[in-house]
Amino acid sequence: MQVEQYYSDDYAGLESGKYQFYYGYEIEDKETEEWCFQVKENGEEIYRIISSDIEKNLDSRQLTMPQDYLVAGIGLWLLVK
């Protein structure tokens, strides 16, 4: 199994086996235009959450960089998986 991580100042991602995790500007909510965290399994989206919903579930002081939202999103997804 290969694991790949990548990030910049406006996105972060992780790929591991059949899962792809992404947070950043490329995935926006159509209604709110907020950035989203997304999980794909074998290329198909299986989970999505907007930034403000991530912030409601965590201490927003811990969420400053895209990598923070990525890790938080993975944690929230694991709770509902």
PDB file of N, CA and C in Angstrom:
ATOM      1  N   MET A   1       0.838  -1.171   0.000  1.00  0.00           N
ATOM      2  CA  MET A   1       0.000   0.000   0.000  1.00  0.00           C
ATOM      3  C   MET A   1       0.886   1.239   0.000  1.00  0.00           C
ATOM      4  N   GLN A   2       0.501   2.199  -0.810  1.00  0.00           N
ATOM      5  CA  GLN A   2       1.235   3.452  -0.850  1.00  0.00           C
ATOM      6  C   GLN A   2       0.424   4.555  -0.181  1.00  0.00           C
ATOM      7  N   VAL A   3       1.124   5.462   0.467  1.00  0.00           N
ATOM      8  CA  VAL A   3       0.500   6.620   1.090  1.00  0.00           C
ATOM      9  C   VAL A   3       1.172   7.856   0.517  1.00  0.00           C
ATOM     10  N   GLU A   4       0.342   8.806   0.106  1.00  0.00           N
ATOM     11  CA  GLU A   4       0.865  10.063  -0.428  1.00  0.00           C
ATOM     12  C   GLU A   4       0.145  11.216   0.252  1.00  0.00           C
ATOM     13  N   GLN A   5       0.925  12.168   0.727  1.00  0.00           N
ATOM     14  CA  GLN A   5       0.339  13.383   1.291  1.00  0.00           C
ATOM     15  C   GLN A   5       0.822  14.582   0.489  1.00  0.00           C
ATOM     16  N   TYR A   6      -0.012  15.599   0.437  1.00  0.00           N
ATOM     17  CA  TYR A   6       0.343  16.814  -0.292  1.00  0.00           C
ATOM     18  C   TYR A   6      -0.399  17.983   0.331  1.00  0.00           C
ATOM     19  N   TYR A   7       0.176  19.175   0.232  1.00  0.00           N
ATOM     20  CA  TYR A   7      -0.485  20.354   0.780  1.00  0.00           C
ATOM     21  C   TYR A   7       0.144  21.625   0.235  1.00  0.00           C
ATOM     22  N   SER A   8      -0.621  22.689   0.358  1.00  0.00           N
ATOM     23  CA  SER A   8      -0.179  24.036   0.037  1.00  0.00           C
ATOM     24  C   SER A   8      -0.890  24.966   1.016  1.00  0.00           C
ATOM     25  N   ASP A   9      -0.893  26.255   0.749  1.00  0.00           N
ATOM     26  CA  ASP A   9      -1.558  27.168   1.674  1.00  0.00           C
ATOM     27  C   ASP A   9      -3.074  27.192   1.506  1.00  0.00           C
ATOM     28  N   ASP A  10      -3.598  26.546   0.441  1.00  0.00           N
ATOM     29  CA  ASP A  10      -5.038  26.556   0.228  1.00  0.00           C
ATOM     30  C   ASP A  10      -5.639  25.170  -0.045  1.00  0.00           C
ATOM     31  N   TYR A  11      -4.903  24.113   0.254  1.00  0.00           N
ATOM     32  CA  TYR A  11      -5.443  22.753   0.158  1.00  0.00           C
ATOM     33  C   TYR A  11      -4.518  21.778   0.865  1.00  0.00           C
ATOM     34  N   ALA A  12      -5.075  20.597   1.166  1.00  0.00           N
ATOM     35  CA  ALA A  12      -4.281  19.501   1.735  1.00  0.00           C
ATOM     36  C   ALA A  12      -4.964  18.200   1.351  1.00  0.00           C
ATOM     37  N   GLY A  13      -4.169  17.192   1.121  1.00  0.00           N
ATOM     38  CA  GLY A  13      -4.740  15.908   0.748  1.00  0.00           C
ATOM     39  C   GLY A  13      -3.900  14.742   1.223  1.00  0.00           C
ATOM     40  N   LEU A  14      -4.552  13.597   1.230  1.00  0.00           N
ATOM     41  CA  LEU A  14      -3.902  12.349   1.615  1.00  0.00           C
ATOM     42  C   LEU A  14      -4.528  11.234   0.798  1.00  0.00           C
ATOM     43  N   GLU A  15      -3.695  10.389   0.231  1.00  0.00           N
ATOM     44  CA  GLU A  15      -4.170   9.215  -0.487  1.00  0.00           C
ATOM     45  C   GLU A  15      -3.562   7.988   0.160  1.00  0.00           C
ATOM     46  N   SER A  16      -4.410   7.021   0.450  1.00  0.00           N
ATOM     47  CA  SER A  16      -3.970   5.795   1.103  1.00  0.00           C
ATOM     48  C   SER A  16      -4.828   4.646   0.604  1.00  0.00           C
ATOM     49  N   GLY A  17      -4.218   3.767  -0.170  1.00  0.00           N
ATOM     50  CA  GLY A  17      -4.969   2.646  -0.710  1.00  0.00           C
ATOM     51  C   GLY A  17      -6.131   3.119  -1.563  1.00  0.00           C
ATOM     52  N   LYS A  18      -7.332   2.644  -1.244  1.00  0.00           N
ATOM     53  CA  LYS A  18      -8.507   2.992  -2.046  1.00  0.00           C
ATOM     54  C   LYS A  18      -9.157   4.308  -1.628  1.00  0.00           C
ATOM     55  N   TYR A  19      -8.603   4.989  -0.613  1.00  0.00           N
ATOM     56  CA  TYR A  19      -9.196   6.221  -0.099  1.00  0.00           C
ATOM     57  C   TYR A  19      -8.387   7.449  -0.506  1.00  0.00           C
ATOM     58  N   GLN A  20      -9.125   8.506  -0.838  1.00  0.00           N
ATOM     59  CA  GLN A  20      -8.537   9.813  -1.107  1.00  0.00           C
ATOM     60  C   GLN A  20      -9.250  10.816  -0.211  1.00  0.00           C
ATOM     61  N   PHE A  21      -8.479  11.604   0.537  1.00  0.00           N
ATOM     62  CA  PHE A  21      -8.999  12.627   1.437  1.00  0.00           C
ATOM     63  C   PHE A  21      -8.502  13.975   0.943  1.00  0.00           C
ATOM     64  N   TYR A  22      -9.396  14.962   0.915  1.00  0.00           N
ATOM     65  CA  TYR A  22      -9.017  16.277   0.392  1.00  0.00           C
ATOM     66  C   TYR A  22      -9.763  17.362   1.154  1.00  0.00           C
ATOM     67  N   TYR A  23      -9.067  18.443   1.446  1.00  0.00           N
ATOM     68  CA  TYR A  23      -9.690  19.653   1.973  1.00  0.00           C
ATOM     69  C   TYR A  23      -9.090  20.834   1.235  1.00  0.00           C
ATOM     70  N   GLY A  24      -9.940  21.734   0.734  1.00  0.00           N
ATOM     71  CA  GLY A  24      -9.405  22.928   0.102  1.00  0.00           C
ATOM     72  C   GLY A  24     -10.336  23.583  -0.882  1.00  0.00           C
ATOM     73  N   TYR A  25      -9.749  24.502  -1.626  1.00  0.00           N
ATOM     74  CA  TYR A  25     -10.499  25.386  -2.514  1.00  0.00           C
ATOM     75  C   TYR A  25     -11.137  24.675  -3.705  1.00  0.00           C
ATOM     76  N   GLU A  26     -10.632  23.539  -4.095  1.00  0.00           N
ATOM     77  CA  GLU A  26     -11.154  22.860  -5.292  1.00  0.00           C
ATOM     78  C   GLU A  26     -12.524  22.230  -5.069  1.00  0.00           C
ATOM     79  N   ILE A  27     -12.883  21.997  -3.810  1.00  0.00           N
ATOM     80  CA  ILE A  27     -14.188  21.419  -3.479  1.00  0.00           C
ATOM     81  C   ILE A  27     -14.944  22.455  -2.656  1.00  0.00           C
ATOM     82  N   GLU A  28     -15.962  23.074  -3.260  1.00  0.00           N
ATOM     83  CA  GLU A  28     -16.761  24.083  -2.581  1.00  0.00           C
ATOM     84  C   GLU A  28     -18.217  23.653  -2.521  1.00  0.00           C
ATOM     85  N   ASP A  29     -18.893  24.072  -1.453  1.00  0.00           N
ATOM     86  CA  ASP A  29     -20.327  23.859  -1.354  1.00  0.00           C
ATOM     87  C   ASP A  29     -21.012  24.809  -2.328  1.00  0.00           C
ATOM     88  N   LYS A  30     -21.950  24.293  -3.117  1.00  0.00           N
ATOM     89  CA  LYS A  30     -22.607  25.113  -4.139  1.00  0.00           C
ATOM     90  C   LYS A  30     -23.442  26.248  -3.537  1.00  0.00           C
ATOM     91  N   GLU A  31     -24.027  26.024  -2.368  1.00  0.00           N
ATOM     92  CA  GLU A  31     -24.876  27.042  -1.752  1.00  0.00           C
ATOM     93  C   GLU A  31     -24.088  28.070  -0.958  1.00  0.00           C
ATOM     94  N   THR A  32     -23.170  27.623  -0.119  1.00  0.00           N
ATOM     95  CA  THR A  32     -22.457  28.538   0.777  1.00  0.00           C
ATOM     96  C   THR A  32     -21.106  28.987   0.225  1.00  0.00           C
ATOM     97  N   GLU A  33     -20.603  28.299  -0.778  1.00  0.00           N
ATOM     98  CA  GLU A  33     -19.280  28.543  -1.354  1.00  0.00           C
ATOM     99  C   GLU A  33     -18.152  28.316  -0.356  1.00  0.00           C
ATOM    100  N   GLU A  34     -18.461  27.588   0.722  1.00  0.00           N
ATOM    101  CA  GLU A  34     -17.428  27.227   1.694  1.00  0.00           C
ATOM    102  C   GLU A  34     -16.579  26.093   1.143  1.00  0.00           C
ATOM    103  N   TRP A  35     -15.327  26.075   1.560  1.00  0.00           N
ATOM    104  CA  TRP A  35     -14.474  24.950   1.228  1.00  0.00           C
ATOM    105  C   TRP A  35     -14.987  23.708   1.933  1.00  0.00           C
ATOM    106  N   CYS A  36     -14.685  22.550   1.371  1.00  0.00           N
ATOM    107  CA  CYS A  36     -15.176  21.292   1.923  1.00  0.00           C
ATOM    108  C   CYS A  36     -14.044  20.295   2.141  1.00  0.00           C
ATOM    109  N   PHE A  37     -14.309  19.377   3.038  1.00  0.00           N
ATOM    110  CA  PHE A  37     -13.509  18.166   3.202  1.00  0.00           C
ATOM    111  C   PHE A  37     -14.265  17.068   2.466  1.00  0.00           C
ATOM    112  N   GLN A  38     -13.532  16.262   1.718  1.00  0.00           N
ATOM    113  CA  GLN A  38     -14.147  15.211   0.913  1.00  0.00           C
ATOM    114  C   GLN A  38     -13.388  13.902   1.061  1.00  0.00           C
ATOM    115  N   VAL A  39     -14.134  12.804   1.103  1.00  0.00           N
ATOM    116  CA  VAL A  39     -13.544  11.463   1.079  1.00  0.00           C
ATOM    117  C   VAL A  39     -14.041  10.769  -0.174  1.00  0.00           C
ATOM    118  N   LYS A  40     -13.107  10.164  -0.885  1.00  0.00           N
ATOM    119  CA  LYS A  40     -13.453   9.322  -2.022  1.00  0.00           C
ATOM    120  C   LYS A  40     -12.955   7.911  -1.748  1.00  0.00           C
ATOM    121  N   GLU A  41     -13.746   6.948  -2.161  1.00  0.00           N
ATOM    122  CA  GLU A  41     -13.352   5.545  -2.103  1.00  0.00           C
ATOM    123  C   GLU A  41     -13.367   5.025  -3.530  1.00  0.00           C
ATOM    124  N   ASN A  42     -12.220   4.571  -3.988  1.00  0.00           N
ATOM    125  CA  ASN A  42     -12.072   4.119  -5.377  1.00  0.00           C
ATOM    126  C   ASN A  42     -12.563   5.166  -6.370  1.00  0.00           C
ATOM    127  N   GLY A  43     -12.296   6.437  -6.074  1.00  0.00           N
ATOM    128  CA  GLY A  43     -12.633   7.528  -6.984  1.00  0.00           C
ATOM    129  C   GLY A  43     -14.046   8.070  -6.877  1.00  0.00           C
ATOM    130  N   GLU A  44     -14.895   7.477  -6.044  1.00  0.00           N
ATOM    131  CA  GLU A  44     -16.278   7.921  -5.877  1.00  0.00           C
ATOM    132  C   GLU A  44     -16.442   8.626  -4.537  1.00  0.00           C
ATOM    133  N   GLU A  45     -17.049   9.818  -4.560  1.00  0.00           N
ATOM    134  CA  GLU A  45     -17.258  10.546  -3.312  1.00  0.00           C
ATOM    135  C   GLU A  45     -18.198   9.771  -2.400  1.00  0.00           C
ATOM    136  N   ILE A  46     -17.766   9.613  -1.129  1.00  0.00           N
ATOM    137  CA  ILE A  46     -18.605   8.915  -0.152  1.00  0.00           C
ATOM    138  C   ILE A  46     -18.914   9.785   1.068  1.00  0.00           C
ATOM    139  N   TYR A  47     -18.242  10.934   1.194  1.00  0.00           N
ATOM    140  CA  TYR A  47     -18.459  11.793   2.361  1.00  0.00           C
ATOM    141  C   TYR A  47     -17.994  13.202   2.020  1.00  0.00           C
ATOM    142  N   ARG A  48     -18.765  14.182   2.513  1.00  0.00           N
ATOM    143  CA  ARG A  48     -18.384  15.591   2.334  1.00  0.00           C
ATOM    144  C   ARG A  48     -18.925  16.387   3.512  1.00  0.00           C
ATOM    145  N   ILE A  49     -18.115  17.339   3.998  1.00  0.00           N
ATOM    146  CA  ILE A  49     -18.538  18.215   5.093  1.00  0.00           C
ATOM    147  C   ILE A  49     -17.936  19.597   4.852  1.00  0.00           C
ATOM    148  N   ILE A  50     -18.734  20.643   5.123  1.00  0.00           N
ATOM    149  CA  ILE A  50     -18.257  22.013   4.914  1.00  0.00           C
ATOM    150  C   ILE A  50     -17.443  22.499   6.111  1.00  0.00           C
ATOM    151  N   SER A  51     -16.638  23.507   5.865  1.00  0.00           N
ATOM    152  CA  SER A  51     -15.731  24.043   6.887  1.00  0.00           C
ATOM    153  C   SER A  51     -16.445  24.413   8.180  1.00  0.00           C
ATOM    154  N   SER A  52     -17.569  25.103   8.069  1.00  0.00           N
ATOM    155  CA  SER A  52     -18.253  25.558   9.284  1.00  0.00           C
ATOM    156  C   SER A  52     -18.768  24.383  10.114  1.00  0.00           C
ATOM    157  N   ASP A  53     -19.139  23.294   9.476  1.00  0.00           N
ATOM    158  CA  ASP A  53     -19.574  22.114  10.228  1.00  0.00           C
ATOM    159  C   ASP A  53     -18.396  21.428  10.915  1.00  0.00           C
ATOM    160  N   ILE A  54     -17.228  21.461  10.287  1.00  0.00           N
ATOM    161  CA  ILE A  54     -16.023  20.950  10.947  1.00  0.00           C
ATOM    162  C   ILE A  54     -15.752  21.795  12.192  1.00  0.00           C
ATOM    163  N   GLU A  55     -15.855  23.120  12.043  1.00  0.00           N
ATOM    164  CA  GLU A  55     -15.578  24.032  13.146  1.00  0.00           C
ATOM    165  C   GLU A  55     -16.559  23.861  14.304  1.00  0.00           C
ATOM    166  N   LYS A  56     -17.798  23.494  14.008  1.00  0.00           N
ATOM    167  CA  LYS A  56     -18.794  23.273  15.058  1.00  0.00           C
ATOM    168  C   LYS A  56     -18.446  22.063  15.921  1.00  0.00           C
ATOM    169  N   ASN A  57     -17.713  21.117  15.352  1.00  0.00           N
ATOM    170  CA  ASN A  57     -17.383  19.884  16.047  1.00  0.00           C
ATOM    171  C   ASN A  57     -16.041  19.912  16.760  1.00  0.00           C
ATOM    172  N   LEU A  58     -15.239  20.940  16.518  1.00  0.00           N
ATOM    173  CA  LEU A  58     -13.913  21.027  17.117  1.00  0.00           C
ATOM    174  C   LEU A  58     -13.666  22.431  17.632  1.00  0.00           C
ATOM    175  N   ASP A  59     -12.631  22.584  18.399  1.00  0.00           N
ATOM    176  CA  ASP A  59     -12.197  23.896  18.850  1.00  0.00           C
ATOM    177  C   ASP A  59     -11.607  24.621  17.641  1.00  0.00           C
ATOM    178  N   SER A  60     -12.272  25.664  17.179  1.00  0.00           N
ATOM    179  CA  SER A  60     -11.832  26.336  15.955  1.00  0.00           C
ATOM    180  C   SER A  60     -10.443  26.951  16.076  1.00  0.00           C
ATOM    181  N   ARG A  61      -9.950  27.142  17.307  1.00  0.00           N
ATOM    182  CA  ARG A  61      -8.577  27.650  17.465  1.00  0.00           C
ATOM    183  C   ARG A  61      -7.556  26.641  16.971  1.00  0.00           C
ATOM    184  N   GLN A  62      -7.941  25.378  16.891  1.00  0.00           N
ATOM    185  CA  GLN A  62      -7.035  24.337  16.404  1.00  0.00           C
ATOM    186  C   GLN A  62      -7.032  24.261  14.880  1.00  0.00           C
ATOM    187  N   LEU A  63      -7.920  24.998  14.232  1.00  0.00           N
ATOM    188  CA  LEU A  63      -8.091  24.906  12.783  1.00  0.00           C
ATOM    189  C   LEU A  63      -7.577  26.173  12.117  1.00  0.00           C
ATOM    190  N   THR A  64      -6.302  26.168  11.772  1.00  0.00           N
ATOM    191  CA  THR A  64      -5.720  27.353  11.152  1.00  0.00           C
ATOM    192  C   THR A  64      -5.198  27.090   9.744  1.00  0.00           C
ATOM    193  N   MET A  65      -4.791  25.884   9.465  1.00  0.00           N
ATOM    194  CA  MET A  65      -4.203  25.537   8.170  1.00  0.00           C
ATOM    195  C   MET A  65      -5.042  24.451   7.493  1.00  0.00           C
ATOM    196  N   PRO A  66      -4.967  24.336   6.176  1.00  0.00           N
ATOM    197  CA  PRO A  66      -5.702  23.268   5.496  1.00  0.00           C
ATOM    198  C   PRO A  66      -5.393  21.875   6.053  1.00  0.00           C
ATOM    199  N   GLN A  67      -4.150  21.649   6.486  1.00  0.00           N
ATOM    200  CA  GLN A  67      -3.802  20.353   7.063  1.00  0.00           C
ATOM    201  C   GLN A  67      -4.618  20.070   8.321  1.00  0.00           C
ATOM    202  N   ASP A  68      -4.917  21.119   9.099  1.00  0.00           N
ATOM    203  CA  ASP A  68      -5.729  20.956  10.306  1.00  0.00           C
ATOM    204  C   ASP A  68      -7.138  20.488   9.949  1.00  0.00           C
ATOM    205  N   TYR A  69      -7.716  21.097   8.934  1.00  0.00           N
ATOM    206  CA  TYR A  69      -9.060  20.713   8.489  1.00  0.00           C
ATOM    207  C   TYR A  69      -9.053  19.303   7.897  1.00  0.00           C
ATOM    208  N   LEU A  70      -7.979  18.958   7.213  1.00  0.00           N
ATOM    209  CA  LEU A  70      -7.869  17.614   6.650  1.00  0.00           C
ATOM    210  C   LEU A  70      -7.885  16.569   7.764  1.00  0.00           C
ATOM    211  N   VAL A  71      -7.056  16.750   8.764  1.00  0.00           N
ATOM    212  CA  VAL A  71      -6.992  15.793   9.876  1.00  0.00           C
ATOM    213  C   VAL A  71      -8.324  15.764  10.634  1.00  0.00           C
ATOM    214  N   ALA A  72      -8.906  16.931  10.881  1.00  0.00           N
ATOM    215  CA  ALA A  72     -10.199  16.983  11.564  1.00  0.00           C
ATOM    216  C   ALA A  72     -11.268  16.280  10.747  1.00  0.00           C
ATOM    217  N   GLY A  73     -11.266  16.498   9.439  1.00  0.00           N
ATOM    218  CA  GLY A  73     -12.236  15.850   8.563  1.00  0.00           C
ATOM    219  C   GLY A  73     -12.100  14.339   8.580  1.00  0.00           C
ATOM    220  N   ILE A  74     -10.879  13.848   8.556  1.00  0.00           N
ATOM    221  CA  ILE A  74     -10.654  12.402   8.631  1.00  0.00           C
ATOM    222  C   ILE A  74     -11.204  11.868   9.950  1.00  0.00           C
ATOM    223  N   GLY A  75     -10.937  12.570  11.035  1.00  0.00           N
ATOM    224  CA  GLY A  75     -11.445  12.144  12.330  1.00  0.00           C
ATOM    225  C   GLY A  75     -12.961  12.106  12.386  1.00  0.00           C
ATOM    226  N   LEU A  76     -13.620  13.139  11.850  1.00  0.00           N
ATOM    227  CA  LEU A  76     -15.077  13.171  11.831  1.00  0.00           C
ATOM    228  C   LEU A  76     -15.651  12.070  10.949  1.00  0.00           C
ATOM    229  N   TRP A  77     -15.022  11.820   9.812  1.00  0.00           N
ATOM    230  CA  TRP A  77     -15.466  10.747   8.923  1.00  0.00           C
ATOM    231  C   TRP A  77     -15.359   9.389   9.616  1.00  0.00           C
ATOM    232  N   LEU A  78     -14.288   9.169  10.345  1.00  0.00           N
ATOM    233  CA  LEU A  78     -14.117   7.896  11.047  1.00  0.00           C
ATOM    234  C   LEU A  78     -15.223   7.683  12.078  1.00  0.00           C
ATOM    235  N   LEU A  79     -15.738   8.762  12.668  1.00  0.00           N
ATOM    236  CA  LEU A  79     -16.818   8.636  13.637  1.00  0.00           C
ATOM    237  C   LEU A  79     -18.132   8.158  13.007  1.00  0.00           C
ATOM    238  N   VAL A  80     -18.351   8.513  11.745  1.00  0.00           N
ATOM    239  CA  VAL A  80     -19.613   8.142  11.090  1.00  0.00           C
ATOM    240  C   VAL A  80     -19.479   6.940  10.158  1.00  0.00           C
ATOM    241  N   LYS A  81     -18.267   6.530   9.923  1.00  0.00           N
ATOM    242  CA  LYS A  81     -18.009   5.422   8.986  1.00  0.00           C
ATOM    243  C   LYS A  81     -18.597   4.124   9.494  1.00  0.00           C
TER     244      LYS A  81
END
